[in-house]
Protein backbone atom coordinates (compact mmCIF):
# COMPACT_ATOMS: atom_id res chain seq x y z
CA UNK A 1 18.55 -13.02 55.41
CA UNK A 2 20.77 -10.90 52.70
CA UNK A 3 20.30 -13.93 50.69
CA UNK A 4 17.42 -13.72 50.65
CA UNK A 5 16.67 -9.84 50.47
CA UNK A 6 19.47 -9.99 47.30
CA UNK A 7 16.87 -12.54 46.13
CA UNK A 8 13.84 -10.27 46.81
CA UNK A 9 15.49 -6.79 45.28
CA UNK A 10 16.52 -9.65 42.41
CA UNK A 11 13.22 -10.65 42.32
CA UNK A 12 11.78 -6.86 42.14
CA UNK A 13 14.20 -6.06 39.84
CA UNK A 14 13.10 -8.15 37.33
CA UNK A 15 9.20 -7.25 37.79
CA UNK A 16 9.87 -4.04 37.47
CA UNK A 17 12.27 -5.22 34.24
CA UNK A 18 8.96 -6.72 33.07
CA UNK A 19 6.79 -4.52 33.38
CA UNK A 20 8.98 -1.85 32.04
CA UNK A 21 9.81 -3.63 28.95
CA UNK A 22 5.96 -5.21 28.28
CA UNK A 23 4.26 -2.11 30.06
CA UNK A 24 6.84 0.98 28.37
CA UNK A 25 9.48 -0.53 25.87
CA UNK A 26 7.84 -2.91 23.63
CA UNK A 27 4.61 -0.51 22.84
CA UNK A 28 6.83 2.34 22.08
CA UNK A 29 8.95 0.55 20.23
CA UNK A 30 5.99 -0.85 18.09
CA UNK A 31 4.88 2.79 17.50
CA UNK A 32 8.23 3.96 16.40
CA UNK A 33 8.70 1.11 13.50
CA UNK A 34 5.20 1.95 12.79
CA UNK A 35 5.92 5.66 12.59
CA UNK A 36 8.51 4.69 10.85
CA UNK A 37 7.04 2.67 8.14
CA UNK A 38 4.36 4.99 7.52
CA UNK A 39 7.36 7.54 7.27
CA UNK A 40 8.44 5.22 4.66
CA UNK A 41 5.02 5.25 2.89
CA UNK A 42 4.30 8.17 3.16
CA UNK A 43 8.03 9.92 1.37
CA UNK A 44 6.75 7.56 -1.29
CA UNK A 45 3.54 8.91 -1.75
CA UNK A 46 5.35 12.00 -1.77
CA UNK A 47 7.94 11.47 -4.75
CA UNK A 48 5.31 9.68 -6.13
CA UNK A 49 2.85 13.23 -6.10
CA UNK A 50 5.68 15.29 -7.31
CA UNK A 51 6.21 13.32 -10.02
CA UNK A 52 2.37 13.93 -10.60
CA UNK A 53 2.69 17.63 -10.11
CA UNK A 54 5.98 18.51 -12.23
CA UNK A 55 4.25 16.18 -15.47
CA UNK A 56 0.85 18.43 -14.50
CA UNK A 57 2.78 21.55 -14.23
CA UNK A 58 4.49 20.35 -17.82
CA UNK A 59 0.79 19.41 -19.29
CA UNK A 60 -0.07 23.34 -17.88
CA UNK A 61 2.55 25.09 -20.31
CA UNK A 62 1.27 23.03 -23.19
CA UNK A 63 -2.39 24.83 -22.51
CA UNK A 64 -1.83 27.03 -25.02
CA UNK A 65 -0.25 25.36 -27.81
CA UNK A 66 -2.43 22.49 -27.41
CA UNK A 67 -5.65 25.73 -27.50
CA UNK A 68 -3.99 26.71 -30.68
CA UNK A 69 -3.62 23.44 -32.08
CA UNK A 70 -7.21 22.75 -30.96
CA UNK A 71 -8.82 26.35 -32.50
CA UNK A 72 -7.43 25.39 -36.18
CA UNK A 73 -9.34 21.71 -35.91
CA UNK A 74 -11.67 23.55 -35.41
CA UNK A 75 -11.84 25.49 -38.29
CA UNK A 76 -10.85 22.46 -40.41
CA UNK A 77 -13.68 20.47 -39.35
CA UNK A 78 -16.27 22.89 -37.31
CA UNK A 79 -19.40 21.55 -35.21
CA UNK A 80 -21.84 22.40 -38.31
CA UNK A 81 -22.15 22.22 -41.64
CA UNK A 82 -22.39 26.27 -42.28
CA UNK A 83 -23.55 25.75 -45.81
CA UNK A 84 -24.10 30.28 -45.93
CA UNK A 85 -20.27 30.28 -44.45
CA UNK A 86 -19.33 27.91 -47.22
CA UNK A 87 -20.21 29.46 -49.97
CA UNK A 88 -19.17 32.83 -48.91
CA UNK A 89 -15.43 31.10 -48.39
CA UNK A 90 -16.68 29.41 -52.40
CA UNK A 91 -17.58 32.77 -53.66
CA UNK A 92 -14.75 34.66 -52.22
CA UNK A 93 -12.04 31.62 -53.83
CA UNK A 94 -13.75 32.30 -57.65
CA UNK A 95 -13.26 35.84 -57.64
CA UNK A 96 -9.72 35.94 -56.55
CA UNK A 97 -8.60 33.24 -59.04
CA UNK A 98 -11.41 34.83 -61.41
CA UNK A 99 -13.06 32.03 -62.42
CA UNK A 100 -16.83 32.30 -62.89
CA UNK A 101 -18.46 30.42 -59.96
CA UNK A 102 -22.17 29.47 -61.87
CA UNK A 103 -24.30 26.87 -59.77
CA UNK A 104 -23.56 25.17 -55.83
CA UNK A 105 -25.09 22.35 -55.29
CA UNK A 106 -25.31 21.06 -52.30
CA UNK A 107 -25.95 17.20 -50.62
CA UNK A 108 -25.55 15.43 -47.01
CA UNK A 109 -24.29 11.93 -46.72
CA UNK A 110 -21.38 10.23 -45.55
CA UNK A 111 -18.55 9.68 -48.03
CA UNK A 112 -17.98 6.31 -46.60
CA UNK A 113 -21.25 5.04 -46.57
CA UNK A 114 -22.92 7.07 -48.42
CA UNK A 115 -25.94 7.01 -46.07
CA UNK A 116 -27.32 10.39 -44.19
CA UNK A 117 -24.67 11.93 -42.26
CA UNK A 118 -26.33 11.80 -38.72
CA UNK A 119 -26.98 7.41 -38.87
CA UNK A 120 -22.97 7.23 -39.41
CA UNK A 121 -20.13 8.00 -36.50
CA UNK A 122 -17.34 10.13 -36.62
CA UNK A 123 -17.54 13.71 -39.36
CA UNK A 124 -20.01 14.44 -41.41
CA UNK A 125 -19.56 15.92 -44.49
CA UNK A 126 -21.47 18.46 -46.48
CA UNK A 127 -21.25 16.69 -50.19
CA UNK A 128 -20.76 19.92 -52.63
CA UNK A 129 -20.83 20.32 -56.46
CA UNK A 130 -19.88 22.92 -57.91
CA UNK A 131 -19.87 24.43 -61.95
CA UNK A 132 -16.61 26.90 -62.76
CA UNK A 133 -15.96 28.50 -66.14
CA UNK A 134 -12.21 30.12 -66.45
CA UNK A 135 -9.38 29.47 -68.15
CA UNK A 136 -6.99 27.44 -66.98
CA UNK A 137 -4.78 29.31 -65.43
CA UNK A 138 -8.02 30.21 -63.21
CA UNK A 139 -9.30 26.64 -62.78
CA UNK A 140 -5.53 25.73 -61.85
CA UNK A 141 -5.86 28.82 -59.46
CA UNK A 142 -9.26 28.18 -58.29
CA UNK A 143 -8.54 24.16 -56.87
CA UNK A 144 -5.16 25.43 -55.43
CA UNK A 145 -7.20 28.13 -53.17
CA UNK A 146 -9.85 24.76 -52.89
CA UNK A 147 -6.84 22.93 -51.04
CA UNK A 148 -5.03 25.26 -49.21
CA UNK A 149 -7.78 27.13 -47.16
CA UNK A 150 -8.53 26.36 -43.74
CA UNK A 151 -10.98 24.56 -43.81
CA UNK A 152 -11.04 20.69 -44.73
CA UNK A 153 -12.18 20.65 -48.71
CA UNK A 154 -11.35 17.34 -50.46
CA UNK A 155 -12.14 17.02 -54.19
CA UNK A 156 -13.04 14.16 -55.39
CA UNK A 157 -13.75 14.34 -59.07
CA UNK A 158 -12.92 17.59 -61.58
CA UNK A 159 -15.03 17.10 -65.37
CA UNK A 160 -13.03 19.95 -67.51
CA UNK A 161 -14.76 20.40 -71.25
CA UNK A 162 -13.91 23.31 -73.37
CA UNK A 163 -11.94 24.43 -76.28
CA UNK A 164 -7.46 23.45 -76.83
CA UNK A 165 -6.12 27.01 -77.84
CA UNK A 166 -4.53 28.95 -75.36
CA UNK A 167 -6.79 31.35 -73.29
CA UNK A 168 -9.57 29.15 -74.52
CA UNK A 169 -12.31 28.58 -71.79
CA UNK A 170 -12.95 25.75 -69.79
CA UNK A 171 -15.93 24.69 -67.81
CA UNK A 172 -15.30 22.64 -64.70
CA UNK A 173 -17.68 20.55 -62.71
CA UNK A 174 -15.64 19.65 -59.54
CA UNK A 175 -17.89 17.33 -56.67
CA UNK A 176 -15.85 17.42 -52.71
CA UNK A 177 -17.32 17.63 -49.64
CA UNK A 178 -16.09 20.04 -46.28
CA UNK A 179 -15.99 18.01 -43.20
CA UNK A 180 -18.34 18.84 -39.59
CA UNK A 181 -18.14 17.20 -36.59
CA UNK A 182 -21.94 17.50 -35.26
CA UNK A 183 -23.89 14.87 -37.93
CA UNK A 184 -27.23 16.76 -35.83
CA UNK A 185 -27.05 20.01 -37.26
CA UNK A 186 -28.99 20.46 -40.49
CA UNK A 187 -27.83 21.04 -43.43
CA UNK A 188 -28.69 24.91 -43.61
CA UNK A 189 -27.86 25.89 -40.38
CA UNK A 190 -25.48 29.14 -40.45
CA UNK A 191 -23.36 28.36 -37.57
CA UNK A 192 -19.27 29.98 -37.85
CA UNK A 193 -16.66 27.91 -39.15
């Protein structure tokens, strides 16, 4: 009888251990393994997010620099032709260099295709034909001012005529253009540069 009782106790203990294993220990172990795997994934995501936050903070510190560069580009290539502003700038440059600006003739064309600006991609151009008069040093001063202004002015051609003597008055025909970003803007628009 003691053997039977011992076998019964062993059987009951085995059943309890099996029930404990299948209902308690095994699911808890599976859940624990899943929790460890989820924690590893979360740790990887957290590391990745920390890297992204660091990159965003670094980029945020550069916003003033980027804003300054963008403002410089907008001055070099404004959104519209700003023809009245271009005339004012050319008149001031002529007065400061001592040349006489006798005429400004505008035309809107894209230099790459010689088509109207509204049919091409990229920045459009405002073509300008200038007629100026003055001495050689004054002409040189005016051309230097054209190249040093904030807005980009590209000189296509220069034709000089006049006396060869020192201090003689010269006449110059200057063809060039300025860029603007909005090809749909009408040529006479005022805008700001």
